[in-house]
C-alpha cells in the first residue's frame, strides 16, 4: 500500500456534553492502552516502555486542554464543531 487511507472518525456539531462524552473516552482509552503496554513491558523485561512513558503525559496534557475548551463552550453556551480523521498507510518494519 503506497497510498494513504483516510478514515473519518468524528465529523459533527456537538454540545459541550456530547463532545465530552465522545472525546474524553477516546483520550482515556489511549492513556489506558499505554499504561497496559508499559505494565506489560515491566512484567516481561523489567523496564518501562519508553514510547508509553512519553505518550501518557502528552495525552494527559491534551485532556487538560480539552477540558478547558469544553469549559469555555459551556460558559459561553457554545457548540463545538469537531472533526477527526485517521490517516493510515503501510510501512516497513
N, C-alpha and C. Protein backbone atom coordinates (compact mmCIF):
# COMPACT_ATOMS: atom_id res chain seq x y z
N UNK A 1 0.85 -1.17 0.00
CA UNK A 1 0.00 0.00 0.00
C UNK A 1 0.90 1.24 0.00
N UNK A 2 0.97 1.92 -1.08
CA UNK A 2 1.73 3.16 -1.16
C UNK A 2 0.86 4.37 -0.91
N UNK A 3 -0.41 4.16 -0.89
CA UNK A 3 -1.33 5.27 -0.69
C UNK A 3 -1.67 5.41 0.79
N UNK A 4 -2.21 6.53 1.13
CA UNK A 4 -2.69 6.77 2.48
C UNK A 4 -4.20 6.64 2.47
N UNK A 5 -4.71 5.83 3.35
CA UNK A 5 -6.16 5.69 3.51
C UNK A 5 -6.62 6.67 4.59
N UNK A 6 -7.67 7.40 4.31
CA UNK A 6 -8.23 8.36 5.26
C UNK A 6 -9.58 7.86 5.76
N UNK A 7 -9.70 7.78 7.06
CA UNK A 7 -10.94 7.36 7.70
C UNK A 7 -11.47 8.51 8.54
N UNK A 8 -12.74 8.79 8.41
CA UNK A 8 -13.34 9.84 9.22
C UNK A 8 -13.86 9.22 10.51
N UNK A 9 -13.33 9.69 11.62
CA UNK A 9 -13.75 9.20 12.92
C UNK A 9 -14.87 10.04 13.50
N UNK A 10 -14.70 11.35 13.45
CA UNK A 10 -15.70 12.28 14.00
C UNK A 10 -15.90 13.40 13.01
N UNK A 11 -17.14 13.77 12.80
CA UNK A 11 -17.45 14.88 11.90
C UNK A 11 -18.83 15.40 12.28
N UNK A 12 -18.85 16.42 13.14
CA UNK A 12 -20.15 16.92 13.54
C UNK A 12 -20.10 18.14 14.43
N UNK A 13 -21.28 18.60 14.77
CA UNK A 13 -21.51 19.77 15.60
C UNK A 13 -22.12 19.26 16.90
N UNK A 14 -21.45 19.51 18.04
CA UNK A 14 -21.85 18.88 19.29
C UNK A 14 -22.02 19.88 20.42
N UNK A 15 -22.90 19.55 21.33
CA UNK A 15 -23.00 20.32 22.57
C UNK A 15 -21.77 20.00 23.41
N UNK A 16 -21.54 20.77 24.45
CA UNK A 16 -20.40 20.51 25.35
C UNK A 16 -20.50 19.12 25.94
N UNK A 17 -21.69 18.73 26.35
CA UNK A 17 -21.90 17.41 26.97
C UNK A 17 -21.63 16.30 25.96
N UNK A 18 -22.15 16.45 24.75
CA UNK A 18 -21.93 15.44 23.72
C UNK A 18 -20.44 15.31 23.38
N UNK A 19 -19.78 16.45 23.21
CA UNK A 19 -18.35 16.43 22.89
C UNK A 19 -17.56 15.76 24.01
N UNK A 20 -17.92 16.04 25.25
CA UNK A 20 -17.26 15.42 26.40
C UNK A 20 -17.45 13.90 26.36
N UNK A 21 -18.67 13.46 26.08
CA UNK A 21 -18.98 12.03 26.04
C UNK A 21 -18.23 11.31 24.91
N UNK A 22 -17.96 12.01 23.84
CA UNK A 22 -17.26 11.40 22.70
C UNK A 22 -15.74 11.45 22.89
N UNK A 23 -15.21 12.61 23.25
CA UNK A 23 -13.76 12.83 23.21
C UNK A 23 -12.99 12.33 24.42
N UNK A 24 -13.51 12.53 25.61
CA UNK A 24 -12.78 12.09 26.81
C UNK A 24 -12.51 10.59 26.77
N UNK A 25 -13.50 9.76 26.43
CA UNK A 25 -13.20 8.32 26.37
C UNK A 25 -12.13 7.94 25.33
N UNK A 26 -12.04 8.68 24.24
CA UNK A 26 -11.01 8.38 23.25
C UNK A 26 -9.62 8.61 23.85
N UNK A 27 -9.43 9.77 24.47
CA UNK A 27 -8.13 10.05 25.10
C UNK A 27 -7.86 9.09 26.25
N UNK A 28 -8.88 8.81 27.05
CA UNK A 28 -8.71 7.90 28.18
C UNK A 28 -8.34 6.50 27.72
N UNK A 29 -8.93 6.07 26.62
CA UNK A 29 -8.61 4.76 26.07
C UNK A 29 -7.16 4.69 25.63
N UNK A 30 -6.66 5.75 24.99
CA UNK A 30 -5.26 5.79 24.57
C UNK A 30 -4.32 5.79 25.77
N UNK A 31 -4.66 6.52 26.81
CA UNK A 31 -3.85 6.52 28.03
C UNK A 31 -3.82 5.12 28.62
N UNK A 32 -4.98 4.50 28.70
CA UNK A 32 -5.08 3.15 29.25
C UNK A 32 -4.26 2.16 28.41
N UNK A 33 -4.32 2.29 27.09
CA UNK A 33 -3.52 1.45 26.21
C UNK A 33 -2.04 1.54 26.56
N UNK A 34 -1.55 2.77 26.72
CA UNK A 34 -0.13 2.96 27.02
C UNK A 34 0.23 2.50 28.43
N UNK A 35 -0.68 2.64 29.36
CA UNK A 35 -0.42 2.14 30.72
C UNK A 35 -0.28 0.62 30.70
N UNK A 36 -1.16 -0.05 29.96
CA UNK A 36 -1.09 -1.51 29.86
C UNK A 36 0.17 -1.93 29.13
N UNK A 37 0.51 -1.21 28.07
CA UNK A 37 1.73 -1.51 27.32
C UNK A 37 2.96 -1.36 28.23
N UNK A 38 2.98 -0.32 29.03
CA UNK A 38 4.09 -0.09 29.95
C UNK A 38 4.14 -1.19 31.01
N UNK A 39 2.99 -1.52 31.58
CA UNK A 39 2.92 -2.58 32.59
C UNK A 39 3.42 -3.90 32.01
N UNK A 40 3.02 -4.20 30.78
CA UNK A 40 3.45 -5.42 30.12
C UNK A 40 4.97 -5.44 29.95
N UNK A 41 5.53 -4.32 29.57
CA UNK A 41 6.98 -4.22 29.41
C UNK A 41 7.69 -4.42 30.75
N UNK A 42 7.13 -3.84 31.79
CA UNK A 42 7.71 -4.00 33.12
C UNK A 42 7.68 -5.46 33.55
N UNK A 43 6.57 -6.13 33.30
CA UNK A 43 6.43 -7.54 33.68
C UNK A 43 7.36 -8.44 32.86
N UNK A 44 7.44 -8.20 31.57
CA UNK A 44 8.24 -9.05 30.69
C UNK A 44 9.73 -8.79 30.79
N UNK A 45 10.11 -7.51 30.77
CA UNK A 45 11.52 -7.16 30.63
C UNK A 45 12.10 -6.42 31.84
N UNK A 46 11.23 -6.10 32.80
CA UNK A 46 11.70 -5.39 33.98
C UNK A 46 12.04 -3.93 33.72
N UNK A 47 11.52 -3.38 32.63
CA UNK A 47 11.78 -1.97 32.32
C UNK A 47 10.56 -1.32 31.68
N UNK A 48 10.52 0.00 31.79
CA UNK A 48 9.41 0.75 31.21
C UNK A 48 9.46 0.74 29.69
N UNK A 49 8.31 0.88 29.09
CA UNK A 49 8.21 1.07 27.65
C UNK A 49 8.40 2.57 27.40
N UNK A 50 9.47 2.93 26.71
CA UNK A 50 9.83 4.33 26.51
C UNK A 50 8.75 5.12 25.78
N UNK A 51 8.17 4.53 24.76
CA UNK A 51 7.14 5.22 24.00
C UNK A 51 5.93 5.50 24.87
N UNK A 52 5.50 4.49 25.62
CA UNK A 52 4.35 4.66 26.51
C UNK A 52 4.63 5.73 27.56
N UNK A 53 5.83 5.72 28.10
CA UNK A 53 6.20 6.70 29.13
C UNK A 53 6.16 8.13 28.58
N UNK A 54 6.46 8.30 27.31
CA UNK A 54 6.42 9.63 26.70
C UNK A 54 4.99 10.04 26.33
N UNK A 55 4.20 9.08 25.87
CA UNK A 55 2.86 9.39 25.38
C UNK A 55 1.87 9.70 26.50
N UNK A 56 1.96 9.02 27.62
CA UNK A 56 0.99 9.21 28.70
C UNK A 56 0.91 10.67 29.15
N UNK A 57 2.02 11.33 29.49
CA UNK A 57 1.91 12.73 29.91
C UNK A 57 1.42 13.65 28.79
N UNK A 58 1.78 13.34 27.56
CA UNK A 58 1.31 14.16 26.44
C UNK A 58 -0.21 14.04 26.29
N UNK A 59 -0.71 12.83 26.41
CA UNK A 59 -2.15 12.62 26.31
C UNK A 59 -2.90 13.26 27.48
N UNK A 60 -2.32 13.18 28.67
CA UNK A 60 -2.94 13.84 29.83
C UNK A 60 -2.99 15.34 29.62
N UNK A 61 -1.95 15.90 29.03
CA UNK A 61 -1.93 17.32 28.72
C UNK A 61 -3.02 17.67 27.71
N UNK A 62 -3.22 16.81 26.73
CA UNK A 62 -4.27 17.04 25.75
C UNK A 62 -5.65 17.01 26.40
N UNK A 63 -5.86 16.13 27.37
CA UNK A 63 -7.13 16.10 28.09
C UNK A 63 -7.34 17.40 28.84
N UNK A 64 -6.29 17.93 29.46
CA UNK A 64 -6.41 19.21 30.16
C UNK A 64 -6.81 20.32 29.21
N UNK A 65 -6.19 20.36 28.03
CA UNK A 65 -6.55 21.37 27.03
C UNK A 65 -8.01 21.18 26.59
N UNK A 66 -8.40 19.94 26.39
CA UNK A 66 -9.78 19.65 26.00
C UNK A 66 -10.76 20.11 27.08
N UNK A 67 -10.43 19.85 28.34
CA UNK A 67 -11.30 20.25 29.45
C UNK A 67 -11.51 21.77 29.44
N UNK A 68 -10.44 22.52 29.16
CA UNK A 68 -10.56 23.98 29.10
C UNK A 68 -11.47 24.41 27.96
N UNK A 69 -11.33 23.78 26.81
CA UNK A 69 -12.18 24.10 25.67
C UNK A 69 -13.64 23.80 26.00
N UNK A 70 -13.88 22.65 26.61
CA UNK A 70 -15.24 22.26 26.96
C UNK A 70 -15.83 23.21 28.00
N UNK A 71 -15.03 23.61 28.96
CA UNK A 71 -15.49 24.56 29.97
C UNK A 71 -15.85 25.91 29.35
N UNK A 72 -15.02 26.34 28.42
CA UNK A 72 -15.29 27.61 27.73
C UNK A 72 -16.59 27.51 26.92
N UNK A 73 -16.78 26.41 26.23
CA UNK A 73 -18.01 26.21 25.45
C UNK A 73 -19.23 26.25 26.35
N UNK A 74 -19.12 25.60 27.49
CA UNK A 74 -20.24 25.58 28.44
C UNK A 74 -20.51 26.98 28.98
N UNK A 75 -19.46 27.70 29.39
CA UNK A 75 -19.61 29.04 29.96
C UNK A 75 -20.20 30.02 28.95
N UNK A 76 -19.85 29.85 27.69
CA UNK A 76 -20.32 30.77 26.66
C UNK A 76 -21.55 30.24 25.91
N UNK A 77 -22.05 29.09 26.37
CA UNK A 77 -23.21 28.45 25.75
C UNK A 77 -22.99 28.25 24.24
N UNK A 78 -21.85 27.70 23.91
CA UNK A 78 -21.47 27.46 22.51
C UNK A 78 -21.48 25.98 22.21
N UNK A 79 -21.59 25.67 20.94
CA UNK A 79 -21.46 24.29 20.47
C UNK A 79 -20.06 24.10 19.93
N UNK A 80 -19.67 22.87 19.72
CA UNK A 80 -18.32 22.58 19.24
C UNK A 80 -18.40 21.85 17.91
N UNK A 81 -17.65 22.36 16.95
CA UNK A 81 -17.52 21.70 15.66
C UNK A 81 -16.27 20.82 15.75
N UNK A 82 -16.47 19.52 15.66
CA UNK A 82 -15.37 18.57 15.86
C UNK A 82 -15.23 17.70 14.62
N UNK A 83 -14.00 17.60 14.15
CA UNK A 83 -13.72 16.67 13.05
C UNK A 83 -12.40 15.98 13.35
N UNK A 84 -12.34 14.72 13.00
CA UNK A 84 -11.14 13.95 13.25
C UNK A 84 -10.99 12.90 12.16
N UNK A 85 -9.82 12.88 11.57
CA UNK A 85 -9.53 11.88 10.56
C UNK A 85 -8.37 11.02 11.02
N UNK A 86 -8.40 9.79 10.59
CA UNK A 86 -7.30 8.87 10.84
C UNK A 86 -6.67 8.57 9.49
N UNK A 87 -5.38 8.80 9.38
CA UNK A 87 -4.65 8.52 8.15
C UNK A 87 -3.81 7.27 8.35
N UNK A 88 -3.98 6.30 7.48
CA UNK A 88 -3.29 5.01 7.62
C UNK A 88 -2.52 4.68 6.35
N UNK A 89 -1.29 4.28 6.54
CA UNK A 89 -0.50 3.76 5.42
C UNK A 89 0.38 2.63 5.96
N UNK A 90 0.73 1.73 5.10
CA UNK A 90 1.59 0.63 5.48
C UNK A 90 3.05 1.07 5.35
N UNK A 91 3.87 0.68 6.34
CA UNK A 91 5.29 0.99 6.30
C UNK A 91 6.07 -0.28 6.59
N UNK A 92 7.33 -0.28 6.23
CA UNK A 92 8.19 -1.42 6.51
C UNK A 92 8.56 -1.45 7.99
N UNK A 93 8.82 -2.65 8.50
CA UNK A 93 9.25 -2.79 9.90
C UNK A 93 10.62 -2.21 10.10
